[in-house]
């Protein structure tokens, strides 16, 4: 089993890395097709033998404790 955690900045929080990437892409000639760029993080966690419901609870705790800055970031967990 695997947990996939997608982390992104909350609405209203400046994504300086995304803005810098957007600016560079536009200067490369893609300004006609690119409207905006946001940079997210994806964390893949290989899990041992654990019930899916328990895995969700424990991975959520990992996110709250260490993986996510909940002041400025939102996250979503998929257990697959």
PDB file of N, CA and C in Angstrom:
ATOM      1  N   UNK A   1       0.850  -1.173   0.000  1.00  0.00           N
ATOM      2  CA  UNK A   1       0.000   0.000   0.000  1.00  0.00           C
ATOM      3  C   UNK A   1       0.895   1.235   0.000  1.00  0.00           C
ATOM      4  N   UNK A   2       0.352   2.288  -0.565  1.00  0.00           N
ATOM      5  CA  UNK A   2       1.123   3.518  -0.695  1.00  0.00           C
ATOM      6  C   UNK A   2       0.227   4.706  -0.377  1.00  0.00           C
ATOM      7  N   UNK A   3       0.815   5.722   0.223  1.00  0.00           N
ATOM      8  CA  UNK A   3       0.125   6.990   0.458  1.00  0.00           C
ATOM      9  C   UNK A   3       0.769   8.043  -0.435  1.00  0.00           C
ATOM     10  N   UNK A   4      -0.069   8.819  -1.090  1.00  0.00           N
ATOM     11  CA  UNK A   4       0.408   9.925  -1.913  1.00  0.00           C
ATOM     12  C   UNK A   4      -0.154  11.207  -1.307  1.00  0.00           C
ATOM     13  N   UNK A   5       0.739  12.094  -0.886  1.00  0.00           N
ATOM     14  CA  UNK A   5       0.353  13.354  -0.259  1.00  0.00           C
ATOM     15  C   UNK A   5       0.694  14.486  -1.221  1.00  0.00           C
ATOM     16  N   UNK A   6      -0.329  15.231  -1.641  1.00  0.00           N
ATOM     17  CA  UNK A   6      -0.120  16.397  -2.501  1.00  0.00           C
ATOM     18  C   UNK A   6      -0.249  17.642  -1.626  1.00  0.00           C
ATOM     19  N   UNK A   7       0.782  18.483  -1.654  1.00  0.00           N
ATOM     20  CA  UNK A   7       0.835  19.680  -0.819  1.00  0.00           C
ATOM     21  C   UNK A   7       0.940  20.905  -1.718  1.00  0.00           C
ATOM     22  N   UNK A   8       0.086  21.879  -1.471  1.00  0.00           N
ATOM     23  CA  UNK A   8       0.132  23.126  -2.231  1.00  0.00           C
ATOM     24  C   UNK A   8      -0.140  24.306  -1.329  1.00  0.00           C
ATOM     25  N   UNK A   9       0.246  25.461  -1.782  1.00  0.00           N
ATOM     26  CA  UNK A   9       0.018  26.668  -0.999  1.00  0.00           C
ATOM     27  C   UNK A   9      -1.463  27.024  -0.968  1.00  0.00           C
ATOM     28  N   UNK A  10      -1.916  27.547   0.150  1.00  0.00           N
ATOM     29  CA  UNK A  10      -3.299  27.998   0.275  1.00  0.00           C
ATOM     30  C   UNK A  10      -3.530  29.189  -0.652  1.00  0.00           C
ATOM     31  N   UNK A  11      -4.789  29.387  -1.039  1.00  0.00           N
ATOM     32  CA  UNK A  11      -5.140  30.554  -1.845  1.00  0.00           C
ATOM     33  C   UNK A  11      -4.729  31.822  -1.112  1.00  0.00           C
ATOM     34  N   UNK A  12      -4.138  32.742  -1.835  1.00  0.00           N
ATOM     35  CA  UNK A  12      -3.718  34.003  -1.252  1.00  0.00           C
ATOM     36  C   UNK A  12      -2.280  34.027  -0.786  1.00  0.00           C
ATOM     37  N   UNK A  13      -1.635  32.858  -0.707  1.00  0.00           N
ATOM     38  CA  UNK A  13      -0.230  32.804  -0.306  1.00  0.00           C
ATOM     39  C   UNK A  13       0.620  32.919  -1.567  1.00  0.00           C
ATOM     40  N   UNK A  14       1.576  33.826  -1.575  1.00  0.00           N
ATOM     41  CA  UNK A  14       2.422  34.065  -2.736  1.00  0.00           C
ATOM     42  C   UNK A  14       3.292  32.850  -3.029  1.00  0.00           C
ATOM     43  N   UNK A  15       3.205  32.364  -4.251  1.00  0.00           N
ATOM     44  CA  UNK A  15       4.025  31.250  -4.720  1.00  0.00           C
ATOM     45  C   UNK A  15       5.192  31.826  -5.516  1.00  0.00           C
ATOM     46  N   UNK A  16       6.244  32.230  -4.819  1.00  0.00           N
ATOM     47  CA  UNK A  16       7.368  32.895  -5.482  1.00  0.00           C
ATOM     48  C   UNK A  16       8.065  31.967  -6.475  1.00  0.00           C
ATOM     49  N   UNK A  17       8.154  30.696  -6.164  1.00  0.00           N
ATOM     50  CA  UNK A  17       8.783  29.745  -7.088  1.00  0.00           C
ATOM     51  C   UNK A  17       7.928  29.598  -8.353  1.00  0.00           C
ATOM     52  N   UNK A  18       6.617  29.532  -8.178  1.00  0.00           N
ATOM     53  CA  UNK A  18       5.713  29.453  -9.322  1.00  0.00           C
ATOM     54  C   UNK A  18       5.769  30.697 -10.182  1.00  0.00           C
ATOM     55  N   UNK A  19       5.813  31.863  -9.545  1.00  0.00           N
ATOM     56  CA  UNK A  19       5.888  33.126 -10.287  1.00  0.00           C
ATOM     57  C   UNK A  19       7.196  33.236 -11.055  1.00  0.00           C
ATOM     58  N   UNK A  20       8.308  32.838 -10.441  1.00  0.00           N
ATOM     59  CA  UNK A  20       9.601  32.883 -11.122  1.00  0.00           C
ATOM     60  C   UNK A  20       9.611  31.933 -12.321  1.00  0.00           C
ATOM     61  N   UNK A  21       9.045  30.755 -12.147  1.00  0.00           N
ATOM     62  CA  UNK A  21       8.969  29.787 -13.241  1.00  0.00           C
ATOM     63  C   UNK A  21       8.079  30.316 -14.354  1.00  0.00           C
ATOM     64  N   UNK A  22       6.941  30.906 -13.993  1.00  0.00           N
ATOM     65  CA  UNK A  22       6.026  31.497 -14.977  1.00  0.00           C
ATOM     66  C   UNK A  22       6.745  32.586 -15.788  1.00  0.00           C
ATOM     67  N   UNK A  23       7.460  33.454 -15.092  1.00  0.00           N
ATOM     68  CA  UNK A  23       8.174  34.540 -15.772  1.00  0.00           C
ATOM     69  C   UNK A  23       9.193  33.974 -16.765  1.00  0.00           C
ATOM     70  N   UNK A  24       9.948  32.971 -16.346  1.00  0.00           N
ATOM     71  CA  UNK A  24      10.957  32.375 -17.219  1.00  0.00           C
ATOM     72  C   UNK A  24      10.314  31.702 -18.426  1.00  0.00           C
ATOM     73  N   UNK A  25       9.240  30.959 -18.201  1.00  0.00           N
ATOM     74  CA  UNK A  25       8.538  30.296 -19.313  1.00  0.00           C
ATOM     75  C   UNK A  25       8.029  31.329 -20.315  1.00  0.00           C
ATOM     76  N   UNK A  26       7.508  32.445 -19.809  1.00  0.00           N
ATOM     77  CA  UNK A  26       7.007  33.497 -20.701  1.00  0.00           C
ATOM     78  C   UNK A  26       8.130  34.118 -21.520  1.00  0.00           C
ATOM     79  N   UNK A  27       9.296  34.318 -20.903  1.00  0.00           N
ATOM     80  CA  UNK A  27      10.412  34.900 -21.649  1.00  0.00           C
ATOM     81  C   UNK A  27      10.963  33.922 -22.684  1.00  0.00           C
ATOM     82  N   UNK A  28      10.622  32.646 -22.545  1.00  0.00           N
ATOM     83  CA  UNK A  28      11.045  31.637 -23.518  1.00  0.00           C
ATOM     84  C   UNK A  28      10.077  31.549 -24.698  1.00  0.00           C
ATOM     85  N   UNK A  29       9.013  32.360 -24.679  1.00  0.00           N
ATOM     86  CA  UNK A  29       8.103  32.398 -25.811  1.00  0.00           C
ATOM     87  C   UNK A  29       6.794  31.653 -25.628  1.00  0.00           C
ATOM     88  N   UNK A  30       6.480  31.222 -24.404  1.00  0.00           N
ATOM     89  CA  UNK A  30       5.248  30.472 -24.159  1.00  0.00           C
ATOM     90  C   UNK A  30       4.128  31.308 -23.554  1.00  0.00           C
ATOM     91  N   UNK A  31       4.290  32.640 -23.544  1.00  0.00           N
ATOM     92  CA  UNK A  31       3.302  33.502 -22.888  1.00  0.00           C
ATOM     93  C   UNK A  31       1.920  33.410 -23.521  1.00  0.00           C
ATOM     94  N   UNK A  32       1.846  32.964 -24.783  1.00  0.00           N
ATOM     95  CA  UNK A  32       0.549  32.870 -25.453  1.00  0.00           C
ATOM     96  C   UNK A  32      -0.266  31.663 -25.003  1.00  0.00           C
ATOM     97  N   UNK A  33       0.361  30.656 -24.384  1.00  0.00           N
ATOM     98  CA  UNK A  33      -0.380  29.459 -23.970  1.00  0.00           C
ATOM     99  C   UNK A  33      -0.391  29.225 -22.466  1.00  0.00           C
ATOM    100  N   UNK A  34       0.475  29.896 -21.712  1.00  0.00           N
ATOM    101  CA  UNK A  34       0.563  29.672 -20.266  1.00  0.00           C
ATOM    102  C   UNK A  34      -0.078  30.846 -19.539  1.00  0.00           C
ATOM    103  N   UNK A  35      -1.079  30.517 -18.714  1.00  0.00           N
ATOM    104  CA  UNK A  35      -1.784  31.557 -17.955  1.00  0.00           C
ATOM    105  C   UNK A  35      -1.168  31.758 -16.567  1.00  0.00           C
ATOM    106  N   UNK A  36      -0.759  30.669 -15.915  1.00  0.00           N
ATOM    107  CA  UNK A  36      -0.183  30.741 -14.571  1.00  0.00           C
ATOM    108  C   UNK A  36       0.525  29.427 -14.284  1.00  0.00           C
ATOM    109  N   UNK A  37       1.428  29.420 -13.341  1.00  0.00           N
ATOM    110  CA  UNK A  37       2.115  28.215 -12.895  1.00  0.00           C
ATOM    111  C   UNK A  37       2.127  28.205 -11.379  1.00  0.00           C
ATOM    112  N   UNK A  38       1.756  27.063 -10.801  1.00  0.00           N
ATOM    113  CA  UNK A  38       1.830  26.858  -9.357  1.00  0.00           C
ATOM    114  C   UNK A  38       2.713  25.636  -9.126  1.00  0.00           C
ATOM    115  N   UNK A  39       3.574  25.720  -8.144  1.00  0.00           N
ATOM    116  CA  UNK A  39       4.473  24.627  -7.805  1.00  0.00           C
ATOM    117  C   UNK A  39       3.923  23.931  -6.552  1.00  0.00           C
ATOM    118  N   UNK A  40       3.638  22.643  -6.682  1.00  0.00           N
ATOM    119  CA  UNK A  40       3.170  21.836  -5.556  1.00  0.00           C
ATOM    120  C   UNK A  40       4.230  20.790  -5.220  1.00  0.00           C
ATOM    121  N   UNK A  41       4.060  20.138  -4.067  1.00  0.00           N
ATOM    122  CA  UNK A  41       4.940  19.038  -3.670  1.00  0.00           C
ATOM    123  C   UNK A  41       4.118  17.756  -3.681  1.00  0.00           C
ATOM    124  N   UNK A  42       4.754  16.659  -4.052  1.00  0.00           N
ATOM    125  CA  UNK A  42       4.121  15.347  -4.030  1.00  0.00           C
ATOM    126  C   UNK A  42       5.017  14.415  -3.229  1.00  0.00           C
ATOM    127  N   UNK A  43       4.481  13.834  -2.178  1.00  0.00           N
ATOM    128  CA  UNK A  43       5.251  12.927  -1.327  1.00  0.00           C
ATOM    129  C   UNK A  43       4.640  11.537  -1.446  1.00  0.00           C
ATOM    130  N   UNK A  44       5.454  10.558  -1.845  1.00  0.00           N
ATOM    131  CA  UNK A  44       5.029   9.164  -1.937  1.00  0.00           C
ATOM    132  C   UNK A  44       5.571   8.414  -0.730  1.00  0.00           C
ATOM    133  N   UNK A  45       4.685   7.769   0.011  1.00  0.00           N
ATOM    134  CA  UNK A  45       5.075   7.049   1.223  1.00  0.00           C
ATOM    135  C   UNK A  45       4.685   5.583   1.055  1.00  0.00           C
ATOM    136  N   UNK A  46       5.675   4.705   1.041  1.00  0.00           N
ATOM    137  CA  UNK A  46       5.401   3.270   1.001  1.00  0.00           C
ATOM    138  C   UNK A  46       5.002   2.826   2.407  1.00  0.00           C
ATOM    139  N   UNK A  47       3.868   2.164   2.508  1.00  0.00           N
ATOM    140  CA  UNK A  47       3.346   1.738   3.799  1.00  0.00           C
ATOM    141  C   UNK A  47       3.486   0.227   3.957  1.00  0.00           C
ATOM    142  N   UNK A  48       3.601  -0.201   5.196  1.00  0.00           N
ATOM    143  CA  UNK A  48       3.641  -1.624   5.494  1.00  0.00           C
ATOM    144  C   UNK A  48       2.234  -2.200   5.539  1.00  0.00           C
ATOM    145  N   UNK A  49       2.107  -3.304   6.198  1.00  0.00           N
ATOM    146  CA  UNK A  49       0.828  -3.997   6.323  1.00  0.00           C
ATOM    147  C   UNK A  49      -0.052  -3.249   7.328  1.00  0.00           C
ATOM    148  N   UNK A  50      -0.987  -2.450   6.805  1.00  0.00           N
ATOM    149  CA  UNK A  50      -1.842  -1.620   7.659  1.00  0.00           C
ATOM    150  C   UNK A  50      -3.202  -1.479   6.991  1.00  0.00           C
ATOM    151  N   UNK A  51      -4.219  -1.404   7.794  1.00  0.00           N
ATOM    152  CA  UNK A  51      -5.582  -1.185   7.308  1.00  0.00           C
ATOM    153  C   UNK A  51      -5.669   0.190   6.643  1.00  0.00           C
ATOM    154  N   UNK A  52      -6.460   0.297   5.569  1.00  0.00           N
ATOM    155  CA  UNK A  52      -6.550   1.550   4.816  1.00  0.00           C
ATOM    156  C   UNK A  52      -7.029   2.713   5.683  1.00  0.00           C
ATOM    157  N   UNK A  53      -8.010   2.481   6.540  1.00  0.00           N
ATOM    158  CA  UNK A  53      -8.528   3.539   7.415  1.00  0.00           C
ATOM    159  C   UNK A  53      -7.462   3.981   8.419  1.00  0.00           C
ATOM    160  N   UNK A  54      -6.735   3.019   8.986  1.00  0.00           N
ATOM    161  CA  UNK A  54      -5.652   3.358   9.916  1.00  0.00           C
ATOM    162  C   UNK A  54      -4.530   4.101   9.208  1.00  0.00           C
ATOM    163  N   UNK A  55      -4.233   3.686   7.978  1.00  0.00           N
ATOM    164  CA  UNK A  55      -3.196   4.356   7.196  1.00  0.00           C
ATOM    165  C   UNK A  55      -3.559   5.824   6.986  1.00  0.00           C
ATOM    166  N   UNK A  56      -4.815   6.086   6.664  1.00  0.00           N
ATOM    167  CA  UNK A  56      -5.251   7.465   6.441  1.00  0.00           C
ATOM    168  C   UNK A  56      -5.067   8.294   7.706  1.00  0.00           C
ATOM    169  N   UNK A  57      -5.435   7.743   8.839  1.00  0.00           N
ATOM    170  CA  UNK A  57      -5.312   8.455  10.116  1.00  0.00           C
ATOM    171  C   UNK A  57      -3.840   8.739  10.431  1.00  0.00           C
ATOM    172  N   UNK A  58      -2.980   7.730  10.249  1.00  0.00           N
ATOM    173  CA  UNK A  58      -1.570   7.906  10.599  1.00  0.00           C
ATOM    174  C   UNK A  58      -0.845   8.841   9.632  1.00  0.00           C
ATOM    175  N   UNK A  59      -1.164   8.757   8.346  1.00  0.00           N
ATOM    176  CA  UNK A  59      -0.531   9.656   7.380  1.00  0.00           C
ATOM    177  C   UNK A  59      -1.010  11.085   7.612  1.00  0.00           C
ATOM    178  N   UNK A  60      -2.283  11.248   7.944  1.00  0.00           N
ATOM    179  CA  UNK A  60      -2.787  12.586   8.265  1.00  0.00           C
ATOM    180  C   UNK A  60      -2.035  13.149   9.472  1.00  0.00           C
ATOM    181  N   UNK A  61      -1.774  12.316  10.462  1.00  0.00           N
ATOM    182  CA  UNK A  61      -1.007  12.763  11.642  1.00  0.00           C
ATOM    183  C   UNK A  61       0.416  13.154  11.246  1.00  0.00           C
ATOM    184  N   UNK A  62       1.036  12.369  10.332  1.00  0.00           N
ATOM    185  CA  UNK A  62       2.366  12.720   9.836  1.00  0.00           C
ATOM    186  C   UNK A  62       2.346  14.098   9.183  1.00  0.00           C
ATOM    187  N   UNK A  63       1.299  14.343   8.411  1.00  0.00           N
ATOM    188  CA  UNK A  63       1.182  15.639   7.735  1.00  0.00           C
ATOM    189  C   UNK A  63       1.062  16.767   8.745  1.00  0.00           C
ATOM    190  N   UNK A  64       0.208  16.583   9.724  1.00  0.00           N
ATOM    191  CA  UNK A  64      -0.001  17.609  10.756  1.00  0.00           C
ATOM    192  C   UNK A  64       1.267  17.836  11.584  1.00  0.00           C
ATOM    193  N   UNK A  65       1.987  16.756  11.883  1.00  0.00           N
ATOM    194  CA  UNK A  65       3.161  16.846  12.758  1.00  0.00           C
ATOM    195  C   UNK A  65       4.410  17.374  12.067  1.00  0.00           C
ATOM    196  N   UNK A  66       4.581  17.047  10.753  1.00  0.00           N
ATOM    197  CA  UNK A  66       5.869  17.359  10.158  1.00  0.00           C
ATOM    198  C   UNK A  66       5.854  17.694   8.675  1.00  0.00           C
ATOM    199  N   UNK A  67       5.047  17.025   7.895  1.00  0.00           N
ATOM    200  CA  UNK A  67       5.165  17.144   6.439  1.00  0.00           C
ATOM    201  C   UNK A  67       4.581  18.428   5.852  1.00  0.00           C
ATOM    202  N   UNK A  68       3.606  19.021   6.533  1.00  0.00           N
ATOM    203  CA  UNK A  68       2.875  20.158   5.976  1.00  0.00           C
ATOM    204  C   UNK A  68       2.931  21.337   6.942  1.00  0.00           C
ATOM    205  N   UNK A  69       3.163  22.528   6.401  1.00  0.00           N
ATOM    206  CA  UNK A  69       3.036  23.753   7.185  1.00  0.00           C
ATOM    207  C   UNK A  69       1.581  24.200   7.026  1.00  0.00           C
ATOM    208  N   UNK A  70       0.738  23.797   7.958  1.00  0.00           N
ATOM    209  CA  UNK A  70      -0.708  24.014   7.820  1.00  0.00           C
ATOM    210  C   UNK A  70      -1.117  25.481   7.902  1.00  0.00           C
ATOM    211  N   UNK A  71      -0.196  26.352   8.264  1.00  0.00           N
ATOM    212  CA  UNK A  71      -0.493  27.781   8.277  1.00  0.00           C
ATOM    213  C   UNK A  71      -0.620  28.304   6.849  1.00  0.00           C
ATOM    214  N   UNK A  72       0.239  27.823   5.955  1.00  0.00           N
ATOM    215  CA  UNK A  72       0.251  28.339   4.583  1.00  0.00           C
ATOM    216  C   UNK A  72      -0.028  27.277   3.514  1.00  0.00           C
ATOM    217  N   UNK A  73      -0.116  26.005   3.908  1.00  0.00           N
ATOM    218  CA  UNK A  73      -0.284  24.943   2.924  1.00  0.00           C
ATOM    219  C   UNK A  73      -1.535  24.118   3.177  1.00  0.00           C
ATOM    220  N   UNK A  74      -2.146  23.656   2.076  1.00  0.00           N
ATOM    221  CA  UNK A  74      -3.220  22.669   2.115  1.00  0.00           C
ATOM    222  C   UNK A  74      -2.655  21.361   1.617  1.00  0.00           C
ATOM    223  N   UNK A  75      -3.318  20.256   1.952  1.00  0.00           N
ATOM    224  CA  UNK A  75      -2.838  18.961   1.468  1.00  0.00           C
ATOM    225  C   UNK A  75      -3.996  18.006   1.239  1.00  0.00           C
ATOM    226  N   UNK A  76      -3.701  16.993   0.427  1.00  0.00           N
ATOM    227  CA  UNK A  76      -4.675  15.948   0.130  1.00  0.00           C
ATOM    228  C   UNK A  76      -3.936  14.611   0.186  1.00  0.00           C
ATOM    229  N   UNK A  77      -4.576  13.601   0.773  1.00  0.00           N
ATOM    230  CA  UNK A  77      -3.970  12.282   0.921  1.00  0.00           C
ATOM    231  C   UNK A  77      -4.771  11.271   0.099  1.00  0.00           C
ATOM    232  N   UNK A  78      -4.062  10.481  -0.711  1.00  0.00           N
ATOM    233  CA  UNK A  78      -4.668   9.335  -1.399  1.00  0.00           C
ATOM    234  C   UNK A  78      -3.959   8.095  -0.927  1.00  0.00           C
ATOM    235  N   UNK A  79      -4.723   7.109  -0.482  1.00  0.00           N
ATOM    236  CA  UNK A  79      -4.177   5.813  -0.106  1.00  0.00           C
ATOM    237  C   UNK A  79      -4.470   4.862  -1.271  1.00  0.00           C
ATOM    238  N   UNK A  80      -3.404   4.324  -1.857  1.00  0.00           N
ATOM    239  CA  UNK A  80      -3.616   3.430  -3.008  1.00  0.00           C
ATOM    240  C   UNK A  80      -2.866   2.120  -2.828  1.00  0.00           C
TER     241      UNK A  80
END
